[in-house]
Amino acid sequence: MSAASVTLRRLDLARAASDPQVAAEVRALFRRGAVPDPRVREGARVILAAVKEGGDAAVSEANRRHGGGRADGSLLVSRAEMEAARDALPPRIRAGLEQMIENIRRFAETELPVTRTTTIVPGVEIERRWVPLARVGVYAPGGSAAYPSSLLMGVVPAKVAGVGSIVVASPADAEGGLNQTLLGAAGLVGVDEFIVAGGAQAVGALAYGLPEAGIAPVDRIVGPGNAWVTAAKLEVFGECGIDLPAGPSEVMVVADGSADAVHVAADLLSQAEHGPDSPALLVTWDAAFAATVEVELARQLETAARRAILERSLAAGALVVLAPDRDAALDFVNGYAPEHLSVVVEDVEEAVARLVNAGSLFVGPNAPESAGDYASGANHVLPTGGLARSSGALSTESYGKFVQVQRITRDGLATIRDAVEAISEAEGLIAHKRAVEIRFEGAE
């Protein structure tokens, strides 16, 4: 792809009713999934089995074989090292991180669940008690693509929720060094323990612990990662909790002729920067506008700092979805259920009210997706692969659970006695029925 002539692949929704190939492509986009290749799943399963059996030594060996370990082979970062990195942060970066922390905290506090008690009938009360988790693991991408922002997105809501202990896992780079901004961010938010590992072995270290290093297993693992991290999270689910299996990042812009093509092109390029496996889609019912965006993409690529990566990504993952009208466009957006969704159309709030399947919406011409990645306060750990149909963003609720507490008096039990006895008998569970009956014998 040359920057002088950018032509994105097109999908014409008007042909879906008559062209089986177009209809099949639409179905494939809707059901693309976030679950990695089965070969990655199997590879992650092998690494996890080794970590579960071999503990610290197995994690160190996986780091040597697959990368992500420190040059000296150590698996832990001390609190002192995190605090030293914090104190060494350049003032502008520290100020940015601190603003990000404050904004995430403010929004996370609005998500904090509350305990409620409901009287079903007199004598039957059910309490739904919010309880923060004791121990949470946060995976933060590191190595050559270290994201301090993801560390903060995982740790700050955990602090707000009242999690007892927070463990971060993140890999070192190819030379065995750790990103100092990421370490400084960990120092700013007071991470309790920091494991240096990447991929499946990092997930295994969180799920099974590091016995020799005195690191206990966590109750839930959160945070984004590559296909190996996602596969490993799916494998350990059941032995510990996970937030969701998030695949490669994705963005969709739904726009009409009222949008600024310069802004739309910049938003698509910001997504393409993640790499060729990160789709960037423009959905519009204005073919002329789509052509204008392609011209603008070519212009911006000419001076782009990471032009080669951007061109490869656009060639591999960019798509223009041309809808016959506004309704068809919005229906397609809901069917695709993107991770990030920018909405730049006339009567924008009417469109937003109809768009129910997206991880995070960015509304209007001055809401770039990158604002949410860093400093708006919304969480950027989001469902991908169409999981936005059923899942939402990482939030404070992800760091706790509700415990049901049932308080039943004898009079309350009498009120529901007939229902319990009748249904338990119908199900053939006579001991269940008897457990109620026996409480009323003698008094009758």
Foldseek 3Di string as FASTA:
>chain_A
DALQFFDFAEQEPVCLVPDVVSVVVLVCLLQVAFADDVVLLVVLVVLLVCCLVPFPVSQLVCCVVPNFAAPVSDFWDDLVLLQVLLVPDDPVLNVQLVLQLVLLLVVQLVVADAKDKDDPDVQKIKIWHWDFFQEEEEEAEWAPDGDLLQVSLPQSLSVSLPHNAYEYEYGHYPNRHTDSSSSSSCSVRVHPIYTGGDFSSSLSCQQCNRVVVPGHHGQEYETDDENRNLSNQVVSPVSHHYQHRAYQAEEEEEEEPVADLLLLLVLQLVQLLSAQVYAYEYEYQHPVSVVVNSSNNSVVLVPDPPNVSSVNNSHRHYYYYHYNDDVRRLVSCQSSQHAEYEYAYPVFVVSVVSNQRYQDYQYHRPGRPVCQSGRNNHRSQGHHSNCSNPDYHDHSSVRIGIDMDIGGDLVRCVVCLVVQLVVCVVVVNNVSNVVSVVVCPPVD
